[in-house]
Amino acid sequence: MKFKLLTSFLLLAFLSFTACEDGDDHEEEKQEEVSRFEREGSSILKGVKIPEGKSLYLASGIVATEIDASIPAGDRGRFGDTYDQSVSALKRIENYLSEEGLGLKDVVSMKVYVAPDPENDGKPDFQAWFKAYGEYFGTDSNPNKVARSTIGVYTLVDPNKFIEIEVRAVYP
C-alpha cells in the first residue's frame, strides 16, 4: 500500500512538474519579441530590447549606388543629392536584408553619417535624410521605427557621397 501511495505521489509530482515546465515554455515564447520603446512625437525610438537567443544582422556602412555610371566621376548627377543617395542606400539595405530573409521591419537600429553637400551651403542636408527615412520607417507598410543616431561628418571616403548608413536587424 505504501509503495502504491509513493508511486502515485511521484507520478503526480512528475506530471505537475511537466505541466509547469510547459507553462514556462509558453511564457518564454511571449518574451521572445523585440521590445521597441517609443519616443512620443518622434520618428525614432528611445531604445530597443533584444531578447536573449535572438540573432543579429550587422551591416557595414552602406552608401548609394550610381544613378548614372556614364556621368563622369565628380559630377553631382552620378550619385545625386543627399535625398537621392539616402533612398539609394535604403534600397541597397533592403536588398541585403532580403538575402538573409529579413526586411526593413526587422531593423532595430541605425547609425547614419551625413556629409556636407556643396549645394546645401556646404552643410549636411539632414532634412533630405529625414525625408527619405520617413518614406521607409513609421509608414503604413512598415510601421516600425528604429533607435537611430544621425551624425554630421566632415566627409565620407568618397567626397561625392553624402550619406552612409549602418544597420542592425534582428532575425525573427
N, C-alpha and C. Protein backbone atom coordinates (compact mmCIF):
# COMPACT_ATOMS: atom_id res chain seq x y z
N MET A 1 0.82 -1.19 0.00
CA MET A 1 0.00 0.00 0.00
C MET A 1 0.88 1.26 0.00
N LYS A 2 1.91 1.26 0.85
CA LYS A 2 2.80 2.42 0.91
C LYS A 2 3.50 2.62 -0.42
N PHE A 3 3.86 1.49 -1.07
CA PHE A 3 4.54 1.57 -2.36
C PHE A 3 3.64 2.21 -3.41
N LYS A 4 2.34 1.78 -3.43
CA LYS A 4 1.38 2.35 -4.38
C LYS A 4 1.18 3.84 -4.12
N LEU A 5 1.10 4.21 -2.87
CA LEU A 5 0.91 5.60 -2.49
C LEU A 5 2.13 6.44 -2.90
N LEU A 6 3.32 5.90 -2.65
CA LEU A 6 4.54 6.60 -3.03
C LEU A 6 4.64 6.74 -4.55
N THR A 7 4.31 5.68 -5.28
CA THR A 7 4.35 5.70 -6.74
C THR A 7 3.35 6.72 -7.28
N SER A 8 2.15 6.74 -6.72
CA SER A 8 1.14 7.70 -7.15
C SER A 8 1.60 9.12 -6.87
N PHE A 9 2.18 9.33 -5.71
CA PHE A 9 2.68 10.66 -5.36
C PHE A 9 3.78 11.10 -6.32
N LEU A 10 4.73 10.21 -6.63
CA LEU A 10 5.82 10.55 -7.55
C LEU A 10 5.29 10.84 -8.96
N LEU A 11 4.31 10.05 -9.41
CA LEU A 11 3.73 10.26 -10.73
C LEU A 11 3.02 11.62 -10.78
N LEU A 12 2.26 11.92 -9.75
CA LEU A 12 1.57 13.20 -9.67
C LEU A 12 2.57 14.37 -9.65
N ALA A 13 3.64 14.22 -8.88
CA ALA A 13 4.67 15.27 -8.80
C ALA A 13 5.32 15.47 -10.17
N PHE A 14 5.63 14.36 -10.86
CA PHE A 14 6.24 14.43 -12.18
C PHE A 14 5.32 15.15 -13.16
N LEU A 15 4.04 14.79 -13.17
CA LEU A 15 3.09 15.42 -14.09
C LEU A 15 2.92 16.91 -13.78
N SER A 16 2.92 17.26 -12.51
CA SER A 16 2.81 18.67 -12.13
C SER A 16 4.03 19.44 -12.59
N PHE A 17 5.21 18.85 -12.42
CA PHE A 17 6.45 19.49 -12.83
C PHE A 17 6.47 19.70 -14.35
N THR A 18 6.02 18.67 -15.08
CA THR A 18 5.97 18.75 -16.54
C THR A 18 5.01 19.84 -16.97
N ALA A 19 3.86 19.95 -16.32
CA ALA A 19 2.89 20.98 -16.66
C ALA A 19 3.47 22.37 -16.40
N CYS A 20 4.21 22.52 -15.31
CA CYS A 20 4.84 23.81 -15.01
C CYS A 20 5.88 24.15 -16.05
N GLU A 21 6.66 23.16 -16.45
CA GLU A 21 7.68 23.40 -17.47
C GLU A 21 7.05 23.86 -18.77
N ASP A 22 5.94 23.17 -19.18
CA ASP A 22 5.26 23.57 -20.41
C ASP A 22 4.75 25.00 -20.30
N GLY A 23 4.23 25.36 -19.15
CA GLY A 23 3.77 26.74 -18.94
C GLY A 23 4.91 27.73 -19.06
N ASP A 24 6.07 27.36 -18.54
CA ASP A 24 7.23 28.25 -18.63
C ASP A 24 7.66 28.44 -20.07
N ASP A 25 7.60 27.36 -20.87
CA ASP A 25 7.97 27.48 -22.28
C ASP A 25 7.10 28.50 -22.99
N HIS A 26 5.79 28.45 -22.71
CA HIS A 26 4.89 29.40 -23.35
C HIS A 26 5.21 30.83 -22.90
N GLU A 27 5.56 30.98 -21.64
CA GLU A 27 5.92 32.29 -21.13
C GLU A 27 7.18 32.80 -21.82
N GLU A 28 8.17 31.90 -22.01
CA GLU A 28 9.41 32.30 -22.68
C GLU A 28 9.14 32.71 -24.12
N GLU A 29 8.21 32.00 -24.80
CA GLU A 29 7.88 32.35 -26.18
C GLU A 29 7.35 33.77 -26.25
N LYS A 30 6.53 34.16 -25.30
CA LYS A 30 5.99 35.51 -25.27
C LYS A 30 7.11 36.53 -25.10
N GLN A 31 8.16 36.18 -24.36
CA GLN A 31 9.24 37.10 -24.09
C GLN A 31 10.25 37.17 -25.24
N GLU A 32 10.04 36.40 -26.29
CA GLU A 32 10.98 36.36 -27.40
C GLU A 32 10.80 37.52 -28.37
N GLU A 33 9.82 38.38 -28.16
CA GLU A 33 9.58 39.50 -29.05
C GLU A 33 10.57 40.63 -28.77
N VAL A 34 10.95 41.32 -29.81
CA VAL A 34 11.78 42.52 -29.67
C VAL A 34 10.90 43.61 -29.06
N SER A 35 11.40 44.32 -28.08
CA SER A 35 10.66 45.44 -27.47
C SER A 35 11.19 46.74 -28.04
N ARG A 36 10.28 47.56 -28.53
CA ARG A 36 10.64 48.87 -29.09
C ARG A 36 10.05 49.92 -28.16
N PHE A 37 10.89 50.80 -27.66
CA PHE A 37 10.47 51.82 -26.72
C PHE A 37 10.26 53.14 -27.45
N GLU A 38 9.01 53.52 -27.58
CA GLU A 38 8.63 54.71 -28.34
C GLU A 38 9.09 55.99 -27.66
N ARG A 39 9.34 56.96 -28.47
CA ARG A 39 9.61 58.33 -28.02
C ARG A 39 8.46 59.15 -28.60
N GLU A 40 7.56 59.56 -27.73
CA GLU A 40 6.35 60.24 -28.17
C GLU A 40 6.66 61.43 -29.08
N GLY A 41 5.95 61.46 -30.21
CA GLY A 41 6.11 62.56 -31.15
C GLY A 41 7.37 62.51 -31.99
N SER A 42 8.10 61.40 -31.93
CA SER A 42 9.37 61.30 -32.65
C SER A 42 9.31 60.19 -33.70
N SER A 43 10.09 60.36 -34.75
CA SER A 43 10.16 59.34 -35.80
C SER A 43 11.16 58.24 -35.45
N ILE A 44 11.85 58.38 -34.31
CA ILE A 44 12.80 57.36 -33.88
C ILE A 44 12.45 56.89 -32.47
N LEU A 45 13.02 55.78 -32.08
CA LEU A 45 12.76 55.18 -30.77
C LEU A 45 13.72 55.68 -29.71
N LYS A 46 13.32 55.52 -28.45
CA LYS A 46 14.24 55.77 -27.33
C LYS A 46 15.26 54.64 -27.26
N GLY A 47 14.80 53.44 -27.56
CA GLY A 47 15.68 52.29 -27.49
C GLY A 47 14.97 51.02 -27.90
N VAL A 48 15.72 49.93 -27.89
CA VAL A 48 15.22 48.62 -28.30
C VAL A 48 15.79 47.58 -27.34
N LYS A 49 14.97 46.62 -26.95
CA LYS A 49 15.45 45.49 -26.14
C LYS A 49 15.35 44.24 -27.00
N ILE A 50 16.48 43.57 -27.15
CA ILE A 50 16.54 42.35 -27.93
C ILE A 50 16.63 41.18 -26.96
N PRO A 51 15.66 40.27 -27.01
CA PRO A 51 15.67 39.16 -26.07
C PRO A 51 16.83 38.19 -26.30
N GLU A 52 17.20 37.54 -25.23
CA GLU A 52 18.27 36.53 -25.29
C GLU A 52 17.90 35.48 -26.32
N GLY A 53 18.89 35.05 -27.06
CA GLY A 53 18.68 33.98 -28.03
C GLY A 53 18.38 34.48 -29.44
N LYS A 54 18.15 35.76 -29.61
CA LYS A 54 17.89 36.30 -30.95
C LYS A 54 19.23 36.58 -31.64
N SER A 55 19.28 36.33 -32.93
CA SER A 55 20.49 36.60 -33.70
C SER A 55 20.38 37.96 -34.37
N LEU A 56 21.52 38.62 -34.50
CA LEU A 56 21.57 39.94 -35.11
C LEU A 56 22.23 39.89 -36.48
N TYR A 57 21.79 40.76 -37.35
CA TYR A 57 22.43 41.02 -38.64
C TYR A 57 23.03 42.42 -38.52
N LEU A 58 24.33 42.53 -38.70
CA LEU A 58 25.03 43.81 -38.60
C LEU A 58 25.57 44.18 -39.97
N ALA A 59 25.12 45.29 -40.49
CA ALA A 59 25.59 45.72 -41.81
C ALA A 59 26.65 46.79 -41.67
N SER A 60 27.66 46.69 -42.48
CA SER A 60 28.68 47.74 -42.57
C SER A 60 28.02 48.99 -43.15
N GLY A 61 28.76 50.08 -43.14
CA GLY A 61 28.24 51.31 -43.73
C GLY A 61 27.91 51.11 -45.19
N ILE A 62 26.70 51.48 -45.57
CA ILE A 62 26.22 51.29 -46.93
C ILE A 62 25.97 52.66 -47.54
N VAL A 63 26.49 52.83 -48.75
CA VAL A 63 26.34 54.10 -49.46
C VAL A 63 25.49 53.88 -50.71
N ALA A 64 25.22 54.96 -51.40
CA ALA A 64 24.40 54.92 -52.61
C ALA A 64 25.14 54.27 -53.77
N THR A 65 24.37 53.72 -54.67
CA THR A 65 24.92 53.27 -55.95
C THR A 65 24.76 54.41 -56.95
N GLU A 66 25.43 54.29 -58.06
CA GLU A 66 25.38 55.33 -59.09
C GLU A 66 23.99 55.39 -59.72
N ILE A 67 23.54 56.61 -59.92
CA ILE A 67 22.29 56.80 -60.66
C ILE A 67 22.58 56.58 -62.14
N ASP A 68 23.70 57.11 -62.58
CA ASP A 68 24.09 57.01 -63.99
C ASP A 68 25.61 56.91 -64.08
N ALA A 69 26.10 55.71 -64.31
CA ALA A 69 27.55 55.47 -64.36
C ALA A 69 28.21 56.14 -65.55
N SER A 70 27.42 56.56 -66.54
CA SER A 70 28.02 57.21 -67.71
C SER A 70 28.40 58.67 -67.42
N ILE A 71 27.88 59.21 -66.33
CA ILE A 71 28.22 60.58 -65.95
C ILE A 71 29.61 60.56 -65.31
N PRO A 72 30.46 61.50 -65.67
CA PRO A 72 31.84 61.48 -65.16
C PRO A 72 31.92 61.56 -63.64
N ALA A 73 32.95 60.91 -63.09
CA ALA A 73 33.20 60.98 -61.65
C ALA A 73 33.33 62.43 -61.23
N GLY A 74 32.76 62.75 -60.09
CA GLY A 74 32.83 64.11 -59.59
C GLY A 74 31.62 64.95 -59.97
N ASP A 75 30.86 64.51 -60.98
CA ASP A 75 29.65 65.21 -61.38
C ASP A 75 28.51 64.80 -60.46
N ARG A 76 27.78 65.77 -59.94
CA ARG A 76 26.71 65.53 -58.98
C ARG A 76 25.66 64.54 -59.50
N GLY A 77 25.41 64.57 -60.78
CA GLY A 77 24.40 63.69 -61.37
C GLY A 77 24.72 62.21 -61.26
N ARG A 78 25.98 61.89 -61.05
CA ARG A 78 26.37 60.48 -60.98
C ARG A 78 25.73 59.76 -59.79
N PHE A 79 25.68 60.41 -58.61
CA PHE A 79 25.09 59.80 -57.42
C PHE A 79 23.85 60.54 -56.92
N GLY A 80 23.66 61.78 -57.34
CA GLY A 80 22.51 62.56 -56.89
C GLY A 80 22.79 63.32 -55.61
N ASP A 81 21.75 63.96 -55.09
CA ASP A 81 21.88 64.75 -53.87
C ASP A 81 21.69 63.85 -52.65
N THR A 82 21.64 64.44 -51.49
CA THR A 82 21.54 63.66 -50.25
C THR A 82 20.26 62.82 -50.22
N TYR A 83 19.17 63.39 -50.68
CA TYR A 83 17.92 62.62 -50.72
C TYR A 83 18.05 61.42 -51.65
N ASP A 84 18.51 61.65 -52.88
CA ASP A 84 18.68 60.55 -53.85
C ASP A 84 19.58 59.46 -53.27
N GLN A 85 20.68 59.87 -52.65
CA GLN A 85 21.62 58.91 -52.10
C GLN A 85 21.02 58.16 -50.90
N SER A 86 20.22 58.86 -50.11
CA SER A 86 19.57 58.21 -48.97
C SER A 86 18.64 57.11 -49.44
N VAL A 87 17.82 57.41 -50.44
CA VAL A 87 16.89 56.42 -50.98
C VAL A 87 17.67 55.25 -51.58
N SER A 88 18.72 55.55 -52.33
CA SER A 88 19.54 54.50 -52.93
C SER A 88 20.15 53.59 -51.87
N ALA A 89 20.70 54.18 -50.82
CA ALA A 89 21.30 53.38 -49.74
C ALA A 89 20.24 52.54 -49.03
N LEU A 90 19.07 53.10 -48.78
CA LEU A 90 18.00 52.34 -48.12
C LEU A 90 17.53 51.18 -48.99
N LYS A 91 17.47 51.38 -50.30
CA LYS A 91 17.11 50.28 -51.21
C LYS A 91 18.17 49.19 -51.18
N ARG A 92 19.44 49.58 -51.15
CA ARG A 92 20.52 48.58 -51.05
C ARG A 92 20.40 47.79 -49.75
N ILE A 93 20.13 48.51 -48.66
CA ILE A 93 19.95 47.85 -47.36
C ILE A 93 18.80 46.86 -47.44
N GLU A 94 17.70 47.29 -48.03
CA GLU A 94 16.54 46.42 -48.19
C GLU A 94 16.90 45.15 -48.96
N ASN A 95 17.69 45.30 -50.03
CA ASN A 95 18.13 44.14 -50.82
C ASN A 95 19.04 43.22 -50.01
N TYR A 96 20.01 43.80 -49.29
CA TYR A 96 20.91 42.99 -48.48
C TYR A 96 20.14 42.22 -47.42
N LEU A 97 19.19 42.88 -46.79
CA LEU A 97 18.38 42.21 -45.76
C LEU A 97 17.58 41.06 -46.37
N SER A 98 17.02 41.28 -47.54
CA SER A 98 16.19 40.23 -48.17
C SER A 98 17.02 38.98 -48.48
N GLU A 99 18.31 39.14 -48.74
CA GLU A 99 19.19 37.99 -48.96
C GLU A 99 19.26 37.10 -47.72
N GLU A 100 18.97 37.67 -46.57
CA GLU A 100 19.01 36.95 -45.29
C GLU A 100 17.62 36.61 -44.77
N GLY A 101 16.60 36.82 -45.60
CA GLY A 101 15.23 36.55 -45.17
C GLY A 101 14.70 37.62 -44.23
N LEU A 102 15.29 38.79 -44.26
CA LEU A 102 14.89 39.89 -43.40
C LEU A 102 14.31 41.02 -44.24
N GLY A 103 13.71 41.99 -43.57
CA GLY A 103 13.20 43.17 -44.23
C GLY A 103 13.46 44.39 -43.38
N LEU A 104 13.08 45.54 -43.88
CA LEU A 104 13.28 46.77 -43.12
C LEU A 104 12.52 46.73 -41.79
N LYS A 105 11.45 45.96 -41.72
CA LYS A 105 10.69 45.83 -40.47
C LYS A 105 11.53 45.17 -39.37
N ASP A 106 12.59 44.47 -39.75
CA ASP A 106 13.45 43.79 -38.78
C ASP A 106 14.60 44.67 -38.30
N VAL A 107 14.77 45.84 -38.89
CA VAL A 107 15.84 46.76 -38.48
C VAL A 107 15.46 47.34 -37.12
N VAL A 108 16.42 47.32 -36.19
CA VAL A 108 16.17 47.86 -34.86
C VAL A 108 17.00 49.10 -34.56
N SER A 109 18.13 49.27 -35.25
CA SER A 109 18.93 50.46 -35.01
C SER A 109 19.74 50.84 -36.24
N MET A 110 20.12 52.12 -36.26
CA MET A 110 20.90 52.68 -37.38
C MET A 110 21.89 53.70 -36.84
N LYS A 111 23.02 53.78 -37.52
CA LYS A 111 23.93 54.92 -37.40
C LYS A 111 24.02 55.49 -38.79
N VAL A 112 23.77 56.78 -38.88
CA VAL A 112 23.74 57.45 -40.17
C VAL A 112 24.74 58.59 -40.16
N TYR A 113 25.61 58.59 -41.15
CA TYR A 113 26.64 59.62 -41.28
C TYR A 113 26.26 60.48 -42.49
N VAL A 114 26.09 61.78 -42.24
CA VAL A 114 25.70 62.69 -43.30
C VAL A 114 26.83 63.71 -43.50
N ALA A 115 27.33 63.75 -44.73
CA ALA A 115 28.44 64.65 -45.06
C ALA A 115 27.90 65.91 -45.73
N PRO A 116 28.70 66.97 -45.73
CA PRO A 116 28.26 68.23 -46.34
C PRO A 116 27.97 68.09 -47.83
N ASP A 117 26.93 68.79 -48.24
CA ASP A 117 26.55 68.87 -49.64
C ASP A 117 26.90 70.28 -50.12
N PRO A 118 27.77 70.40 -51.12
CA PRO A 118 28.16 71.74 -51.60
C PRO A 118 26.97 72.60 -52.01
N GLU A 119 25.89 71.97 -52.46
CA GLU A 119 24.72 72.73 -52.89
C GLU A 119 23.75 73.00 -51.73
N ASN A 120 24.15 72.67 -50.52
CA ASN A 120 23.37 72.98 -49.32
C ASN A 120 24.22 73.87 -48.42
N ASP A 121 24.81 74.89 -49.01
CA ASP A 121 25.71 75.81 -48.30
C ASP A 121 26.85 75.09 -47.61
N GLY A 122 27.26 73.95 -48.20
CA GLY A 122 28.39 73.19 -47.64
C GLY A 122 28.07 72.54 -46.30
N LYS A 123 26.79 72.33 -46.00
CA LYS A 123 26.36 71.71 -44.75
C LYS A 123 25.70 70.37 -45.04
N PRO A 124 25.70 69.47 -44.08
CA PRO A 124 24.96 68.22 -44.26
C PRO A 124 23.46 68.53 -44.44
N ASP A 125 22.83 67.85 -45.37
CA ASP A 125 21.40 68.06 -45.63
C ASP A 125 20.59 67.04 -44.83
N PHE A 126 20.47 67.32 -43.53
CA PHE A 126 19.74 66.41 -42.63
C PHE A 126 18.28 66.26 -43.05
N GLN A 127 17.66 67.34 -43.50
CA GLN A 127 16.25 67.28 -43.87
C GLN A 127 16.02 66.30 -45.03
N ALA A 128 16.94 66.24 -45.96
CA ALA A 128 16.82 65.28 -47.07
C ALA A 128 16.88 63.85 -46.53
N TRP A 129 17.77 63.60 -45.59
CA TRP A 129 17.86 62.28 -44.97
C TRP A 129 16.58 61.96 -44.20
N PHE A 130 16.10 62.91 -43.40
CA PHE A 130 14.89 62.67 -42.61
C PHE A 130 13.70 62.36 -43.52
N LYS A 131 13.62 63.05 -44.64
CA LYS A 131 12.54 62.80 -45.60
C LYS A 131 12.61 61.37 -46.13
N ALA A 132 13.79 60.93 -46.56
CA ALA A 132 13.94 59.57 -47.08
C ALA A 132 13.62 58.54 -46.00
N TYR A 133 14.15 58.74 -44.79
CA TYR A 133 13.88 57.82 -43.68
C TYR A 133 12.36 57.70 -43.47
N GLY A 134 11.66 58.81 -43.49
CA GLY A 134 10.22 58.83 -43.27
C GLY A 134 9.43 58.09 -44.34
N GLU A 135 10.03 57.84 -45.48
CA GLU A 135 9.36 57.08 -46.54
C GLU A 135 9.52 55.57 -46.36
N TYR A 136 10.41 55.16 -45.45
CA TYR A 136 10.69 53.73 -45.26
C TYR A 136 10.36 53.23 -43.85
N PHE A 137 10.31 54.11 -42.87
CA PHE A 137 10.08 53.73 -41.47
C PHE A 137 8.95 54.56 -40.88
N GLY A 138 8.13 53.91 -40.04
CA GLY A 138 7.00 54.60 -39.44
C GLY A 138 5.91 54.87 -40.47
N THR A 139 5.78 53.97 -41.45
CA THR A 139 4.80 54.12 -42.53
C THR A 139 3.72 53.04 -42.38
N ASP A 140 2.71 53.11 -43.24
CA ASP A 140 1.68 52.06 -43.24
C ASP A 140 2.28 50.70 -43.60
N SER A 141 3.20 50.68 -44.57
CA SER A 141 3.79 49.40 -44.99
C SER A 141 4.87 48.91 -44.02
N ASN A 142 5.50 49.81 -43.29
CA ASN A 142 6.48 49.43 -42.25
C ASN A 142 6.31 50.39 -41.07
N PRO A 143 5.42 50.02 -40.14
CA PRO A 143 5.16 50.92 -39.00
C PRO A 143 6.30 50.99 -38.00
N ASN A 144 7.28 50.11 -38.13
CA ASN A 144 8.39 50.10 -37.18
C ASN A 144 9.29 51.31 -37.34
N LYS A 145 9.74 51.80 -36.21
CA LYS A 145 10.76 52.84 -36.15
C LYS A 145 12.02 52.18 -35.60
N VAL A 146 13.12 52.89 -35.61
CA VAL A 146 14.38 52.33 -35.13
C VAL A 146 15.02 53.26 -34.11
N ALA A 147 15.91 52.70 -33.31
CA ALA A 147 16.80 53.51 -32.49
C ALA A 147 17.87 54.01 -33.46
N ARG A 148 18.12 55.31 -33.47
CA ARG A 148 18.97 55.85 -34.53
C ARG A 148 19.81 57.01 -34.04
N SER A 149 21.03 57.06 -34.55
CA SER A 149 21.89 58.24 -34.39
C SER A 149 22.15 58.78 -35.79
N THR A 150 22.03 60.09 -35.94
CA THR A 150 22.36 60.75 -37.20
C THR A 150 23.50 61.72 -36.88
N ILE A 151 24.61 61.53 -37.57
CA ILE A 151 25.83 62.24 -37.24
C ILE A 151 26.33 63.02 -38.45
N GLY A 152 26.56 64.30 -38.27
CA GLY A 152 27.17 65.10 -39.32
C GLY A 152 28.68 64.89 -39.29
N VAL A 153 29.25 64.58 -40.44
CA VAL A 153 30.69 64.32 -40.53
C VAL A 153 31.33 65.30 -41.52
N TYR A 154 32.62 65.43 -41.40
CA TYR A 154 33.38 66.32 -42.27
C TYR A 154 33.31 65.86 -43.73
N THR A 155 33.52 64.56 -43.93
CA THR A 155 33.45 63.98 -45.27
C THR A 155 33.34 62.46 -45.14
N LEU A 156 32.91 61.83 -46.21
CA LEU A 156 32.98 60.37 -46.32
C LEU A 156 34.22 60.06 -47.16
N VAL A 157 34.56 58.80 -47.28
CA VAL A 157 35.75 58.43 -48.05
C VAL A 157 35.65 58.95 -49.48
N ASP A 158 34.47 58.80 -50.09
CA ASP A 158 34.24 59.35 -51.42
C ASP A 158 33.55 60.70 -51.24
N PRO A 159 34.20 61.80 -51.60
CA PRO A 159 33.62 63.13 -51.37
C PRO A 159 32.36 63.40 -52.20
N ASN A 160 32.05 62.53 -53.15
CA ASN A 160 30.84 62.68 -53.95
C ASN A 160 29.63 62.01 -53.31
N LYS A 161 29.86 61.38 -52.17
CA LYS A 161 28.77 60.72 -51.45
C LYS A 161 28.50 61.50 -50.18
N PHE A 162 27.21 61.61 -49.88
CA PHE A 162 26.80 62.45 -48.77
C PHE A 162 26.17 61.69 -47.61
N ILE A 163 26.00 60.38 -47.76
CA ILE A 163 25.37 59.61 -46.69
C ILE A 163 25.91 58.19 -46.65
N GLU A 164 26.08 57.68 -45.44
CA GLU A 164 26.49 56.29 -45.22
C GLU A 164 25.67 55.78 -44.04
N ILE A 165 25.10 54.56 -44.18
CA ILE A 165 24.17 54.04 -43.19
C ILE A 165 24.60 52.65 -42.72
N GLU A 166 24.69 52.49 -41.41
CA GLU A 166 24.90 51.18 -40.78
C GLU A 166 23.57 50.74 -40.17
N VAL A 167 23.23 49.47 -40.31
CA VAL A 167 22.01 48.97 -39.68
C VAL A 167 22.28 47.71 -38.87
N ARG A 168 21.39 47.51 -37.90
CA ARG A 168 21.33 46.28 -37.13
C ARG A 168 19.90 45.79 -37.20
N ALA A 169 19.76 44.53 -37.59
CA ALA A 169 18.43 43.93 -37.69
C ALA A 169 18.42 42.66 -36.85
N VAL A 170 17.22 42.24 -36.45
CA VAL A 170 17.05 41.05 -35.62
C VAL A 170 16.33 40.00 -36.44
N TYR A 171 16.89 38.79 -36.45
CA TYR A 171 16.22 37.68 -37.13
C TYR A 171 14.98 37.31 -36.34
N PRO A 172 13.87 37.04 -37.07
CA PRO A 172 12.61 36.67 -36.38
C PRO A 172 12.74 35.36 -35.62
